[in-house]
ModelCIF file with pLDDT and N, C-alpha, C, O atoms, coordinates in Angstrom:
data_MODEL
#
_entry.id   MODEL 
#
_entity.id                         1 
_entity.type                       polymer 
_entity.pdbx_number_of_molecules   1 
#
_entity_poly.entity_id                      1 
_entity_poly.type                           'polypeptide(L)' 
_entity_poly.nstd_linkage                   no 
_entity_poly.nstd_monomer                   no 
_entity_poly.pdbx_seq_one_letter_code       HKSIHPELGTEKDFKQLVKKAKAEGIEVAMDLAFQAA 
_entity_poly.pdbx_seq_one_letter_code_can   HKSIHPELGTEKDFKQLVKKAKAEGIEVAMDLAFQAA 
_entity_poly.pdbx_strand_id                 A 
#
loop_
_entity_poly_seq.entity_id 
_entity_poly_seq.num 
_entity_poly_seq.mon_id 
_entity_poly_seq.hetero 
1 1  HIS n 
1 2  LYS n 
1 3  SER n 
1 4  ILE n 
1 5  HIS n 
1 6  PRO n 
1 7  GLU n 
1 8  LEU n 
1 9  GLY n 
1 10 THR n 
1 11 GLU n 
1 12 LYS n 
1 13 ASP n 
1 14 PHE n 
1 15 LYS n 
1 16 GLN n 
1 17 LEU n 
1 18 VAL n 
1 19 LYS n 
1 20 LYS n 
1 21 ALA n 
1 22 LYS n 
1 23 ALA n 
1 24 GLU n 
1 25 GLY n 
1 26 ILE n 
1 27 GLU n 
1 28 VAL n 
1 29 ALA n 
1 30 MET n 
1 31 ASP n 
1 32 LEU n 
1 33 ALA n 
1 34 PHE n 
1 35 GLN n 
1 36 ALA n 
1 37 ALA n 
#
_struct_asym.id          A 
_struct_asym.entity_id   1 
#
loop_
_ma_qa_metric.id 
_ma_qa_metric.mode 
_ma_qa_metric.name 
_ma_qa_metric.software_group_id 
_ma_qa_metric.type 
1 global pLDDT . pLDDT 
2 local  pLDDT . pLDDT 
#
_ma_qa_metric_global.metric_id      1 
_ma_qa_metric_global.metric_value   97.92 
_ma_qa_metric_global.model_id       1 
_ma_qa_metric_global.ordinal_id     1 
#
loop_
_ma_qa_metric_local.label_asym_id 
_ma_qa_metric_local.label_comp_id 
_ma_qa_metric_local.label_seq_id 
_ma_qa_metric_local.metric_id 
_ma_qa_metric_local.metric_value 
_ma_qa_metric_local.model_id 
_ma_qa_metric_local.ordinal_id 
A HIS 1  2 98.00 1 1  
A LYS 2  2 98.00 1 2  
A SER 3  2 98.00 1 3  
A ILE 4  2 98.00 1 4  
A HIS 5  2 98.00 1 5  
A PRO 6  2 98.00 1 6  
A GLU 7  2 98.00 1 7  
A LEU 8  2 98.00 1 8  
A GLY 9  2 98.00 1 9  
A THR 10 2 98.00 1 10 
A GLU 11 2 98.00 1 11 
A LYS 12 2 98.00 1 12 
A ASP 13 2 98.00 1 13 
A PHE 14 2 98.00 1 14 
A LYS 15 2 98.00 1 15 
A GLN 16 2 98.00 1 16 
A LEU 17 2 98.00 1 17 
A VAL 18 2 98.00 1 18 
A LYS 19 2 98.00 1 19 
A LYS 20 2 98.00 1 20 
A ALA 21 2 98.00 1 21 
A LYS 22 2 98.00 1 22 
A ALA 23 2 98.00 1 23 
A GLU 24 2 98.00 1 24 
A GLY 25 2 98.00 1 25 
A ILE 26 2 98.00 1 26 
A GLU 27 2 98.00 1 27 
A VAL 28 2 98.00 1 28 
A ALA 29 2 98.00 1 29 
A MET 30 2 98.00 1 30 
A ASP 31 2 98.00 1 31 
A LEU 32 2 98.00 1 32 
A ALA 33 2 98.00 1 33 
A PHE 34 2 98.00 1 34 
A GLN 35 2 97.00 1 35 
A ALA 36 2 97.00 1 36 
A ALA 37 2 97.00 1 37 
#
loop_
_atom_site.group_PDB 
_atom_site.id 
_atom_site.type_symbol 
_atom_site.label_atom_id 
_atom_site.label_alt_id 
_atom_site.label_comp_id 
_atom_site.label_asym_id 
_atom_site.label_entity_id 
_atom_site.label_seq_id 
_atom_site.pdbx_PDB_ins_code 
_atom_site.Cartn_x 
_atom_site.Cartn_y 
_atom_site.Cartn_z 
_atom_site.occupancy 
_atom_site.B_iso_or_equiv 
_atom_site.pdbx_formal_charge 
_atom_site.auth_seq_id 
_atom_site.auth_comp_id 
_atom_site.auth_asym_id 
_atom_site.auth_atom_id 
_atom_site.pdbx_PDB_model_num 
ATOM 1   N N  . HIS A 1 1  ? 92.953  91.594  74.474  1.00 98.00 ? 1  HIS A N  1 
ATOM 2   C CA . HIS A 1 1  ? 92.921  92.863  75.202  1.00 98.00 ? 1  HIS A CA 1 
ATOM 3   C C  . HIS A 1 1  ? 92.235  92.783  76.564  1.00 98.00 ? 1  HIS A C  1 
ATOM 4   O O  . HIS A 1 1  ? 92.405  93.678  77.392  1.00 98.00 ? 1  HIS A O  1 
ATOM 5   N N  . LYS A 1 2  ? 91.471  91.736  76.802  1.00 98.00 ? 2  LYS A N  1 
ATOM 6   C CA . LYS A 1 2  ? 90.833  91.578  78.107  1.00 98.00 ? 2  LYS A CA 1 
ATOM 7   C C  . LYS A 1 2  ? 91.575  90.564  78.980  1.00 98.00 ? 2  LYS A C  1 
ATOM 8   O O  . LYS A 1 2  ? 91.123  90.212  80.069  1.00 98.00 ? 2  LYS A O  1 
ATOM 9   N N  . SER A 1 3  ? 92.716  90.108  78.478  1.00 98.00 ? 3  SER A N  1 
ATOM 10  C CA . SER A 1 3  ? 93.490  89.094  79.191  1.00 98.00 ? 3  SER A CA 1 
ATOM 11  C C  . SER A 1 3  ? 94.762  89.702  79.760  1.00 98.00 ? 3  SER A C  1 
ATOM 12  O O  . SER A 1 3  ? 95.169  90.797  79.371  1.00 98.00 ? 3  SER A O  1 
ATOM 13  N N  . ILE A 1 4  ? 95.382  88.985  80.679  1.00 98.00 ? 4  ILE A N  1 
ATOM 14  C CA . ILE A 1 4  ? 96.612  89.411  81.327  1.00 98.00 ? 4  ILE A CA 1 
ATOM 15  C C  . ILE A 1 4  ? 97.717  88.417  80.996  1.00 98.00 ? 4  ILE A C  1 
ATOM 16  O O  . ILE A 1 4  ? 97.498  87.205  80.986  1.00 98.00 ? 4  ILE A O  1 
ATOM 17  N N  . HIS A 1 5  ? 98.903  88.945  80.728  1.00 98.00 ? 5  HIS A N  1 
ATOM 18  C CA . HIS A 1 5  ? 100.063 88.093  80.483  1.00 98.00 ? 5  HIS A CA 1 
ATOM 19  C C  . HIS A 1 5  ? 100.236 87.166  81.691  1.00 98.00 ? 5  HIS A C  1 
ATOM 20  O O  . HIS A 1 5  ? 100.391 87.648  82.812  1.00 98.00 ? 5  HIS A O  1 
ATOM 21  N N  . PRO A 1 6  ? 100.211 85.854  81.483  1.00 98.00 ? 6  PRO A N  1 
ATOM 22  C CA . PRO A 1 6  ? 100.196 84.922  82.624  1.00 98.00 ? 6  PRO A CA 1 
ATOM 23  C C  . PRO A 1 6  ? 101.405 85.044  83.538  1.00 98.00 ? 6  PRO A C  1 
ATOM 24  O O  . PRO A 1 6  ? 101.307 84.735  84.726  1.00 98.00 ? 6  PRO A O  1 
ATOM 25  N N  . GLU A 1 7  ? 102.549 85.490  83.010  1.00 98.00 ? 7  GLU A N  1 
ATOM 26  C CA . GLU A 1 7  ? 103.725 85.617  83.874  1.00 98.00 ? 7  GLU A CA 1 
ATOM 27  C C  . GLU A 1 7  ? 103.618 86.803  84.827  1.00 98.00 ? 7  GLU A C  1 
ATOM 28  O O  . GLU A 1 7  ? 104.351 86.879  85.812  1.00 98.00 ? 7  GLU A O  1 
ATOM 29  N N  . LEU A 1 8  ? 102.708 87.726  84.536  1.00 98.00 ? 8  LEU A N  1 
ATOM 30  C CA . LEU A 1 8  ? 102.479 88.841  85.458  1.00 98.00 ? 8  LEU A CA 1 
ATOM 31  C C  . LEU A 1 8  ? 101.574 88.446  86.607  1.00 98.00 ? 8  LEU A C  1 
ATOM 32  O O  . LEU A 1 8  ? 101.697 88.975  87.711  1.00 98.00 ? 8  LEU A O  1 
ATOM 33  N N  . GLY A 1 9  ? 100.668 87.520  86.351  1.00 98.00 ? 9  GLY A N  1 
ATOM 34  C CA . GLY A 1 9  ? 99.725  87.101  87.377  1.00 98.00 ? 9  GLY A CA 1 
ATOM 35  C C  . GLY A 1 9  ? 98.342  86.942  86.806  1.00 98.00 ? 9  GLY A C  1 
ATOM 36  O O  . GLY A 1 9  ? 98.171  86.781  85.598  1.00 98.00 ? 9  GLY A O  1 
ATOM 37  N N  . THR A 1 10 ? 97.367  86.986  87.661  1.00 98.00 ? 10 THR A N  1 
ATOM 38  C CA . THR A 1 10 ? 95.971  86.810  87.272  1.00 98.00 ? 10 THR A CA 1 
ATOM 39  C C  . THR A 1 10 ? 95.225  88.140  87.377  1.00 98.00 ? 10 THR A C  1 
ATOM 40  O O  . THR A 1 10 ? 95.752  89.132  87.881  1.00 98.00 ? 10 THR A O  1 
ATOM 41  N N  . GLU A 1 11 ? 94.000  88.130  86.893  1.00 98.00 ? 11 GLU A N  1 
ATOM 42  C CA . GLU A 1 11 ? 93.176  89.328  87.027  1.00 98.00 ? 11 GLU A CA 1 
ATOM 43  C C  . GLU A 1 11 ? 92.930  89.638  88.502  1.00 98.00 ? 11 GLU A C  1 
ATOM 44  O O  . GLU A 1 11 ? 92.867  90.803  88.897  1.00 98.00 ? 11 GLU A O  1 
ATOM 45  N N  . LYS A 1 12 ? 92.793  88.604  89.300  1.00 98.00 ? 12 LYS A N  1 
ATOM 46  C CA . LYS A 1 12 ? 92.636  88.801  90.741  1.00 98.00 ? 12 LYS A CA 1 
ATOM 47  C C  . LYS A 1 12 ? 93.865  89.499  91.319  1.00 98.00 ? 12 LYS A C  1 
ATOM 48  O O  . LYS A 1 12 ? 93.740  90.397  92.151  1.00 98.00 ? 12 LYS A O  1 
ATOM 49  N N  . ASP A 1 13 ? 95.053  89.083  90.875  1.00 98.00 ? 13 ASP A N  1 
ATOM 50  C CA . ASP A 1 13 ? 96.292  89.723  91.334  1.00 98.00 ? 13 ASP A CA 1 
ATOM 51  C C  . ASP A 1 13 ? 96.317  91.192  90.933  1.00 98.00 ? 13 ASP A C  1 
ATOM 52  O O  . ASP A 1 13 ? 96.744  92.058  91.697  1.00 98.00 ? 13 ASP A O  1 
ATOM 53  N N  . PHE A 1 14 ? 95.849  91.448  89.712  1.00 98.00 ? 14 PHE A N  1 
ATOM 54  C CA . PHE A 1 14 ? 95.843  92.840  89.236  1.00 98.00 ? 14 PHE A CA 1 
ATOM 55  C C  . PHE A 1 14 ? 94.902  93.694  90.073  1.00 98.00 ? 14 PHE A C  1 
ATOM 56  O O  . PHE A 1 14 ? 95.259  94.802  90.475  1.00 98.00 ? 14 PHE A O  1 
ATOM 57  N N  . LYS A 1 15 ? 93.718  93.193  90.333  1.00 98.00 ? 15 LYS A N  1 
ATOM 58  C CA . LYS A 1 15 ? 92.763  93.939  91.154  1.00 98.00 ? 15 LYS A CA 1 
ATOM 59  C C  . LYS A 1 15 ? 93.328  94.201  92.549  1.00 98.00 ? 15 LYS A C  1 
ATOM 60  O O  . LYS A 1 15 ? 93.117  95.269  93.122  1.00 98.00 ? 15 LYS A O  1 
ATOM 61  N N  . GLN A 1 16 ? 94.040  93.227  93.081  1.00 98.00 ? 16 GLN A N  1 
ATOM 62  C CA . GLN A 1 16 ? 94.661  93.391  94.395  1.00 98.00 ? 16 GLN A CA 1 
ATOM 63  C C  . GLN A 1 16 ? 95.727  94.491  94.350  1.00 98.00 ? 16 GLN A C  1 
ATOM 64  O O  . GLN A 1 16 ? 95.850  95.285  95.283  1.00 98.00 ? 16 GLN A O  1 
ATOM 65  N N  . LEU A 1 17 ? 96.487  94.527  93.267  1.00 98.00 ? 17 LEU A N  1 
ATOM 66  C CA . LEU A 1 17 ? 97.492  95.572  93.099  1.00 98.00 ? 17 LEU A CA 1 
ATOM 67  C C  . LEU A 1 17 ? 96.844  96.950  93.033  1.00 98.00 ? 17 LEU A C  1 
ATOM 68  O O  . LEU A 1 17 ? 97.320  97.897  93.660  1.00 98.00 ? 17 LEU A O  1 
ATOM 69  N N  . VAL A 1 18 ? 95.763  97.060  92.276  1.00 98.00 ? 18 VAL A N  1 
ATOM 70  C CA . VAL A 1 18 ? 95.044  98.334  92.174  1.00 98.00 ? 18 VAL A CA 1 
ATOM 71  C C  . VAL A 1 18 ? 94.552  98.773  93.547  1.00 98.00 ? 18 VAL A C  1 
ATOM 72  O O  . VAL A 1 18 ? 94.655  99.946  93.907  1.00 98.00 ? 18 VAL A O  1 
ATOM 73  N N  . LYS A 1 19 ? 94.025  97.840  94.297  1.00 98.00 ? 19 LYS A N  1 
ATOM 74  C CA . LYS A 1 19 ? 93.508  98.144  95.633  1.00 98.00 ? 19 LYS A CA 1 
ATOM 75  C C  . LYS A 1 19 ? 94.624  98.605  96.564  1.00 98.00 ? 19 LYS A C  1 
ATOM 76  O O  . LYS A 1 19 ? 94.463  99.588  97.288  1.00 98.00 ? 19 LYS A O  1 
ATOM 77  N N  . LYS A 1 20 ? 95.754  97.900  96.550  1.00 98.00 ? 20 LYS A N  1 
ATOM 78  C CA . LYS A 1 20 ? 96.865  98.279  97.430  1.00 98.00 ? 20 LYS A CA 1 
ATOM 79  C C  . LYS A 1 20 ? 97.480  99.607  97.004  1.00 98.00 ? 20 LYS A C  1 
ATOM 80  O O  . LYS A 1 20 ? 97.938  100.381 97.845  1.00 98.00 ? 20 LYS A O  1 
ATOM 81  N N  . ALA A 1 21 ? 97.490  99.868  95.719  1.00 98.00 ? 21 ALA A N  1 
ATOM 82  C CA . ALA A 1 21 ? 98.000  101.151 95.240  1.00 98.00 ? 21 ALA A CA 1 
ATOM 83  C C  . ALA A 1 21 ? 97.133  102.299 95.760  1.00 98.00 ? 21 ALA A C  1 
ATOM 84  O O  . ALA A 1 21 ? 97.655  103.328 96.188  1.00 98.00 ? 21 ALA A O  1 
ATOM 85  N N  . LYS A 1 22 ? 95.835  102.125 95.723  1.00 98.00 ? 22 LYS A N  1 
ATOM 86  C CA . LYS A 1 22 ? 94.939  103.164 96.216  1.00 98.00 ? 22 LYS A CA 1 
ATOM 87  C C  . LYS A 1 22 ? 95.161  103.428 97.696  1.00 98.00 ? 22 LYS A C  1 
ATOM 88  O O  . LYS A 1 22 ? 95.041  104.562 98.160  1.00 98.00 ? 22 LYS A O  1 
ATOM 89  N N  . ALA A 1 23 ? 95.485  102.372 98.433  1.00 98.00 ? 23 ALA A N  1 
ATOM 90  C CA . ALA A 1 23 ? 95.768  102.546 99.861  1.00 98.00 ? 23 ALA A CA 1 
ATOM 91  C C  . ALA A 1 23 ? 97.016  103.384 100.082 1.00 98.00 ? 23 ALA A C  1 
ATOM 92  O O  . ALA A 1 23 ? 97.185  103.984 101.143 1.00 98.00 ? 23 ALA A O  1 
ATOM 93  N N  . GLU A 1 24 ? 97.895  103.428 99.077  1.00 98.00 ? 24 GLU A N  1 
ATOM 94  C CA . GLU A 1 24 ? 99.110  104.244 99.148  1.00 98.00 ? 24 GLU A CA 1 
ATOM 95  C C  . GLU A 1 24 ? 98.902  105.625 98.521  1.00 98.00 ? 24 GLU A C  1 
ATOM 96  O O  . GLU A 1 24 ? 99.847  106.408 98.419  1.00 98.00 ? 24 GLU A O  1 
ATOM 97  N N  . GLY A 1 25 ? 97.664  105.927 98.098  1.00 98.00 ? 25 GLY A N  1 
ATOM 98  C CA . GLY A 1 25 ? 97.397  107.205 97.447  1.00 98.00 ? 25 GLY A CA 1 
ATOM 99  C C  . GLY A 1 25 ? 97.782  107.226 95.988  1.00 98.00 ? 25 GLY A C  1 
ATOM 100 O O  . GLY A 1 25 ? 98.023  108.293 95.422  1.00 98.00 ? 25 GLY A O  1 
ATOM 101 N N  . ILE A 1 26 ? 97.844  106.053 95.367  1.00 98.00 ? 26 ILE A N  1 
ATOM 102 C CA . ILE A 1 26 ? 98.275  105.933 93.974  1.00 98.00 ? 26 ILE A CA 1 
ATOM 103 C C  . ILE A 1 26 ? 97.164  105.301 93.145  1.00 98.00 ? 26 ILE A C  1 
ATOM 104 O O  . ILE A 1 26 ? 96.542  104.331 93.578  1.00 98.00 ? 26 ILE A O  1 
ATOM 105 N N  . GLU A 1 27 ? 96.914  105.835 91.972  1.00 98.00 ? 27 GLU A N  1 
ATOM 106 C CA . GLU A 1 27 ? 96.007  105.218 91.017  1.00 98.00 ? 27 GLU A CA 1 
ATOM 107 C C  . GLU A 1 27 ? 96.830  104.525 89.936  1.00 98.00 ? 27 GLU A C  1 
ATOM 108 O O  . GLU A 1 27 ? 97.833  105.064 89.467  1.00 98.00 ? 27 GLU A O  1 
ATOM 109 N N  . VAL A 1 28 ? 96.405  103.342 89.549  1.00 98.00 ? 28 VAL A N  1 
ATOM 110 C CA . VAL A 1 28 ? 97.078  102.609 88.482  1.00 98.00 ? 28 VAL A CA 1 
ATOM 111 C C  . VAL A 1 28 ? 96.462  103.021 87.147  1.00 98.00 ? 28 VAL A C  1 
ATOM 112 O O  . VAL A 1 28 ? 95.255  102.900 86.940  1.00 98.00 ? 28 VAL A O  1 
ATOM 113 N N  . ALA A 1 29 ? 97.305  103.506 86.255  1.00 98.00 ? 29 ALA A N  1 
ATOM 114 C CA . ALA A 1 29 ? 96.868  103.878 84.911  1.00 98.00 ? 29 ALA A CA 1 
ATOM 115 C C  . ALA A 1 29 ? 97.250  102.764 83.944  1.00 98.00 ? 29 ALA A C  1 
ATOM 116 O O  . ALA A 1 29 ? 98.373  102.262 83.973  1.00 98.00 ? 29 ALA A O  1 
ATOM 117 N N  . MET A 1 30 ? 96.315  102.386 83.096  1.00 98.00 ? 30 MET A N  1 
ATOM 118 C CA . MET A 1 30 ? 96.553  101.323 82.112  1.00 98.00 ? 30 MET A CA 1 
ATOM 119 C C  . MET A 1 30 ? 96.767  101.903 80.738  1.00 98.00 ? 30 MET A C  1 
ATOM 120 O O  . MET A 1 30 ? 96.362  103.030 80.450  1.00 98.00 ? 30 MET A O  1 
ATOM 121 N N  . ASP A 1 31 ? 97.401  101.130 79.903  1.00 98.00 ? 31 ASP A N  1 
ATOM 122 C CA . ASP A 1 31 ? 97.621  101.511 78.515  1.00 98.00 ? 31 ASP A CA 1 
ATOM 123 C C  . ASP A 1 31 ? 96.487  100.959 77.655  1.00 98.00 ? 31 ASP A C  1 
ATOM 124 O O  . ASP A 1 31 ? 96.188  99.765  77.689  1.00 98.00 ? 31 ASP A O  1 
ATOM 125 N N  . LEU A 1 32 ? 95.869  101.841 76.892  1.00 98.00 ? 32 LEU A N  1 
ATOM 126 C CA . LEU A 1 32 ? 94.916  101.413 75.875  1.00 98.00 ? 32 LEU A CA 1 
ATOM 127 C C  . LEU A 1 32 ? 95.637  101.462 74.538  1.00 98.00 ? 32 LEU A C  1 
ATOM 128 O O  . LEU A 1 32 ? 95.863  102.537 73.984  1.00 98.00 ? 32 LEU A O  1 
ATOM 129 N N  . ALA A 1 33 ? 95.992  100.306 74.028  1.00 98.00 ? 33 ALA A N  1 
ATOM 130 C CA . ALA A 1 33 ? 96.675  100.215 72.740  1.00 98.00 ? 33 ALA A CA 1 
ATOM 131 C C  . ALA A 1 33 ? 95.782  99.414  71.807  1.00 98.00 ? 33 ALA A C  1 
ATOM 132 O O  . ALA A 1 33 ? 95.788  98.183  71.837  1.00 98.00 ? 33 ALA A O  1 
ATOM 133 N N  . PHE A 1 34 ? 95.023  100.104 70.987  1.00 98.00 ? 34 PHE A N  1 
ATOM 134 C CA . PHE A 1 34 ? 94.058  99.430  70.125  1.00 98.00 ? 34 PHE A CA 1 
ATOM 135 C C  . PHE A 1 34 ? 94.728  99.018  68.819  1.00 98.00 ? 34 PHE A C  1 
ATOM 136 O O  . PHE A 1 34 ? 94.605  99.666  67.780  1.00 98.00 ? 34 PHE A O  1 
ATOM 137 N N  . GLN A 1 35 ? 95.445  97.899  68.935  1.00 97.00 ? 35 GLN A N  1 
ATOM 138 C CA . GLN A 1 35 ? 96.128  97.270  67.815  1.00 97.00 ? 35 GLN A CA 1 
ATOM 139 C C  . GLN A 1 35 ? 96.320  95.811  68.209  1.00 97.00 ? 35 GLN A C  1 
ATOM 140 O O  . GLN A 1 35 ? 96.044  95.442  69.350  1.00 97.00 ? 35 GLN A O  1 
ATOM 141 N N  . ALA A 1 36 ? 96.776  94.994  67.305  1.00 97.00 ? 36 ALA A N  1 
ATOM 142 C CA . ALA A 1 36 ? 96.839  93.559  67.592  1.00 97.00 ? 36 ALA A CA 1 
ATOM 143 C C  . ALA A 1 36 ? 98.116  92.947  67.039  1.00 97.00 ? 36 ALA A C  1 
ATOM 144 O O  . ALA A 1 36 ? 98.657  93.402  66.031  1.00 97.00 ? 36 ALA A O  1 
ATOM 145 N N  . ALA A 1 37 ? 98.581  91.924  67.705  1.00 97.00 ? 37 ALA A N  1 
ATOM 146 C CA . ALA A 1 37 ? 99.652  91.097  67.163  1.00 97.00 ? 37 ALA A CA 1 
ATOM 147 C C  . ALA A 1 37 ? 99.059  90.191  66.080  1.00 97.00 ? 37 ALA A C  1 
ATOM 148 O O  . ALA A 1 37 ? 99.781  89.398  65.475  1.00 97.00 ? 37 ALA A O  1 
#
């Protein structure tokens, strides 16, 4: 749950996406799914 699917990118990439979204007036909402494979 604290990891990112590697094909999507890295945590650094995700933080960069969040930052760029905010610059566009957009907040990134995440899914909290408390279950496990």
